[in-house]
């Protein structure tokens, strides 16, 4: 399995946010206090790793730019937005497009909801 790992001061809390977003449960066999991994149905999953000095990227910005972001397809952007804001995402003021929207996870990592084709 391939893993995309995100740094966080609180990896458990960030993993629980992404578990709620994706529907993938936390995998207790692949998790500990420093690394919390989700169990996905496909060949790629997400993990959150402890980074005590984590500084979130700025969106948009170049002083602390994003290094990676993840896109999640949804059938309805408005419904998707209501759902993720309800589980702790934040929507920054700057939005660069119309077929997708940028959000920040609880650790400040940007991610996008993209209208499914």
C-alpha atoms as a PDB file:
ATOM      1  CA  UNK A   1       0.000   0.000   0.000  1.00  0.00           C
ATOM      2  CA  UNK A   2       1.179   3.539  -0.723  1.00  0.00           C
ATOM      3  CA  UNK A   3       0.726   6.246   1.892  1.00  0.00           C
ATOM      4  CA  UNK A   4       0.474  10.035   1.759  1.00  0.00           C
ATOM      5  CA  UNK A   5       1.648  11.339   5.147  1.00  0.00           C
ATOM      6  CA  UNK A   6       0.746  14.726   6.594  1.00  0.00           C
ATOM      7  CA  UNK A   7       2.656  16.405   9.426  1.00  0.00           C
ATOM      8  CA  UNK A   8       0.655  17.482  12.475  1.00  0.00           C
ATOM      9  CA  UNK A   9       1.162  18.509  16.077  1.00  0.00           C
ATOM     10  CA  UNK A  10      -1.778  16.204  16.912  1.00  0.00           C
ATOM     11  CA  UNK A  11      -1.741  13.308  14.424  1.00  0.00           C
ATOM     12  CA  UNK A  12      -4.696  11.503  16.061  1.00  0.00           C
ATOM     13  CA  UNK A  13      -7.008  14.520  15.736  1.00  0.00           C
ATOM     14  CA  UNK A  14      -5.973  15.174  12.135  1.00  0.00           C
ATOM     15  CA  UNK A  15      -6.411  11.500  11.220  1.00  0.00           C
ATOM     16  CA  UNK A  16      -9.886  11.499  12.762  1.00  0.00           C
ATOM     17  CA  UNK A  17     -10.785  14.545  10.622  1.00  0.00           C
ATOM     18  CA  UNK A  18      -9.682  12.715   7.455  1.00  0.00           C
ATOM     19  CA  UNK A  19     -11.401   9.507   8.599  1.00  0.00           C
ATOM     20  CA  UNK A  20     -14.652  11.465   8.824  1.00  0.00           C
ATOM     21  CA  UNK A  21     -14.021  13.150   5.460  1.00  0.00           C
ATOM     22  CA  UNK A  22     -13.161   9.947   3.566  1.00  0.00           C
ATOM     23  CA  UNK A  23     -15.087   7.282   5.477  1.00  0.00           C
ATOM     24  CA  UNK A  24     -11.832   5.358   5.952  1.00  0.00           C
ATOM     25  CA  UNK A  25     -11.361   4.145   9.534  1.00  0.00           C
ATOM     26  CA  UNK A  26      -8.198   4.576  11.567  1.00  0.00           C
ATOM     27  CA  UNK A  27      -6.154   1.367  11.289  1.00  0.00           C
ATOM     28  CA  UNK A  28      -5.151   0.491  14.881  1.00  0.00           C
ATOM     29  CA  UNK A  29      -2.581  -2.045  13.655  1.00  0.00           C
ATOM     30  CA  UNK A  30      -0.751   0.653  11.687  1.00  0.00           C
ATOM     31  CA  UNK A  31      -1.058   3.421  14.289  1.00  0.00           C
ATOM     32  CA  UNK A  32       0.667   4.626  17.428  1.00  0.00           C
ATOM     33  CA  UNK A  33       1.142   7.986  19.182  1.00  0.00           C
ATOM     34  CA  UNK A  34       3.514   9.272  16.479  1.00  0.00           C
ATOM     35  CA  UNK A  35       1.829   7.806  13.370  1.00  0.00           C
ATOM     36  CA  UNK A  36      -1.889   7.352  12.708  1.00  0.00           C
ATOM     37  CA  UNK A  37      -2.835   5.621   9.469  1.00  0.00           C
ATOM     38  CA  UNK A  38      -6.223   5.220   7.820  1.00  0.00           C
ATOM     39  CA  UNK A  39      -7.395   1.973   6.232  1.00  0.00           C
ATOM     40  CA  UNK A  40      -8.490   2.676   2.659  1.00  0.00           C
ATOM     41  CA  UNK A  41     -10.178   0.349   0.202  1.00  0.00           C
ATOM     42  CA  UNK A  42      -7.679   1.182  -2.553  1.00  0.00           C
ATOM     43  CA  UNK A  43      -3.926   1.093  -3.031  1.00  0.00           C
ATOM     44  CA  UNK A  44      -3.288   4.527  -1.441  1.00  0.00           C
ATOM     45  CA  UNK A  45      -4.189   5.751   2.019  1.00  0.00           C
ATOM     46  CA  UNK A  46      -3.510   8.700   4.319  1.00  0.00           C
ATOM     47  CA  UNK A  47      -1.475   8.881   7.493  1.00  0.00           C
ATOM     48  CA  UNK A  48      -0.706  11.665   9.923  1.00  0.00           C
ATOM     49  CA  UNK A  49       2.669  11.821  11.610  1.00  0.00           C
ATOM     50  CA  UNK A  50       3.775  13.685  14.706  1.00  0.00           C
ATOM     51  CA  UNK A  51       5.634  16.914  13.971  1.00  0.00           C
ATOM     52  CA  UNK A  52       5.754  18.839  17.271  1.00  0.00           C
ATOM     53  CA  UNK A  53       7.011  22.029  15.602  1.00  0.00           C
ATOM     54  CA  UNK A  54       4.568  21.853  12.702  1.00  0.00           C
ATOM     55  CA  UNK A  55       3.886  25.231  11.122  1.00  0.00           C
ATOM     56  CA  UNK A  56       0.909  25.149   8.779  1.00  0.00           C
ATOM     57  CA  UNK A  57       1.327  26.460   5.258  1.00  0.00           C
ATOM     58  CA  UNK A  58      -0.231  29.792   4.362  1.00  0.00           C
ATOM     59  CA  UNK A  59      -2.946  29.826   1.739  1.00  0.00           C
ATOM     60  CA  UNK A  60      -2.258  31.578  -0.480  1.00  0.00           C
ATOM     61  CA  UNK A  61       1.277  32.614   0.281  1.00  0.00           C
ATOM     62  CA  UNK A  62       4.932  32.018  -0.389  1.00  0.00           C
ATOM     63  CA  UNK A  63       6.513  32.499   3.029  1.00  0.00           C
ATOM     64  CA  UNK A  64       5.202  29.085   4.192  1.00  0.00           C
ATOM     65  CA  UNK A  65       3.795  27.622   0.944  1.00  0.00           C
ATOM     66  CA  UNK A  66       1.826  24.438   0.646  1.00  0.00           C
ATOM     67  CA  UNK A  67       4.028  21.484  -0.246  1.00  0.00           C
ATOM     68  CA  UNK A  68       1.256  19.135  -1.254  1.00  0.00           C
ATOM     69  CA  UNK A  69      -2.513  19.151  -1.368  1.00  0.00           C
ATOM     70  CA  UNK A  70      -5.132  16.473  -1.872  1.00  0.00           C
ATOM     71  CA  UNK A  71      -8.208  16.729  -4.099  1.00  0.00           C
ATOM     72  CA  UNK A  72     -11.429  14.959  -3.123  1.00  0.00           C
ATOM     73  CA  UNK A  73     -14.176  14.548  -5.734  1.00  0.00           C
ATOM     74  CA  UNK A  74     -17.738  15.271  -4.640  1.00  0.00           C
ATOM     75  CA  UNK A  75     -20.965  15.253  -6.660  1.00  0.00           C
ATOM     76  CA  UNK A  76     -22.141  18.572  -5.166  1.00  0.00           C
ATOM     77  CA  UNK A  77     -19.748  21.295  -3.985  1.00  0.00           C
ATOM     78  CA  UNK A  78     -22.294  23.025  -1.749  1.00  0.00           C
ATOM     79  CA  UNK A  79     -23.270  19.806   0.038  1.00  0.00           C
ATOM     80  CA  UNK A  80     -19.618  18.794   0.327  1.00  0.00           C
ATOM     81  CA  UNK A  81     -18.762  22.172   1.779  1.00  0.00           C
ATOM     82  CA  UNK A  82     -21.490  21.990   4.415  1.00  0.00           C
ATOM     83  CA  UNK A  83     -20.282  18.536   5.414  1.00  0.00           C
ATOM     84  CA  UNK A  84     -16.588  19.337   5.757  1.00  0.00           C
ATOM     85  CA  UNK A  85     -17.143  22.659   7.508  1.00  0.00           C
ATOM     86  CA  UNK A  86     -19.236  20.695   9.993  1.00  0.00           C
ATOM     87  CA  UNK A  87     -16.332  18.368  10.790  1.00  0.00           C
ATOM     88  CA  UNK A  88     -13.744  21.089  11.306  1.00  0.00           C
ATOM     89  CA  UNK A  89     -12.450  22.315   7.932  1.00  0.00           C
ATOM     90  CA  UNK A  90     -12.063  26.034   7.308  1.00  0.00           C
ATOM     91  CA  UNK A  91     -12.686  27.864   4.041  1.00  0.00           C
ATOM     92  CA  UNK A  92     -10.140  30.568   3.237  1.00  0.00           C
ATOM     93  CA  UNK A  93     -11.336  33.770   1.625  1.00  0.00           C
ATOM     94  CA  UNK A  94      -9.177  33.356  -1.506  1.00  0.00           C
ATOM     95  CA  UNK A  95     -10.751  30.895  -3.951  1.00  0.00           C
ATOM     96  CA  UNK A  96      -8.954  30.629  -7.322  1.00  0.00           C
ATOM     97  CA  UNK A  97     -11.575  28.753  -9.364  1.00  0.00           C
ATOM     98  CA  UNK A  98     -15.206  27.746  -9.771  1.00  0.00           C
ATOM     99  CA  UNK A  99     -15.126  23.974 -10.388  1.00  0.00           C
ATOM    100  CA  UNK A 100     -13.306  23.372  -7.106  1.00  0.00           C
ATOM    101  CA  UNK A 101     -12.937  24.953  -3.681  1.00  0.00           C
ATOM    102  CA  UNK A 102      -9.957  25.203  -1.367  1.00  0.00           C
ATOM    103  CA  UNK A 103     -10.240  24.393   2.342  1.00  0.00           C
ATOM    104  CA  UNK A 104      -7.865  24.034   5.262  1.00  0.00           C
ATOM    105  CA  UNK A 105      -7.825  20.952   7.471  1.00  0.00           C
ATOM    106  CA  UNK A 106      -7.528  21.366  11.263  1.00  0.00           C
ATOM    107  CA  UNK A 107      -3.699  21.403  10.990  1.00  0.00           C
ATOM    108  CA  UNK A 108      -3.820  24.066   8.254  1.00  0.00           C
ATOM    109  CA  UNK A 109      -3.017  21.877   5.239  1.00  0.00           C
ATOM    110  CA  UNK A 110      -4.875  23.027   2.094  1.00  0.00           C
ATOM    111  CA  UNK A 111      -7.056  20.499   0.288  1.00  0.00           C
ATOM    112  CA  UNK A 112      -9.701  20.817  -2.385  1.00  0.00           C
ATOM    113  CA  UNK A 113     -13.187  19.594  -3.065  1.00  0.00           C
ATOM    114  CA  UNK A 114     -13.561  19.094  -6.805  1.00  0.00           C
ATOM    115  CA  UNK A 115     -16.860  18.722  -8.626  1.00  0.00           C
ATOM    116  CA  UNK A 116     -17.021  15.148  -9.943  1.00  0.00           C
ATOM    117  CA  UNK A 117     -17.292  14.938 -13.708  1.00  0.00           C
END
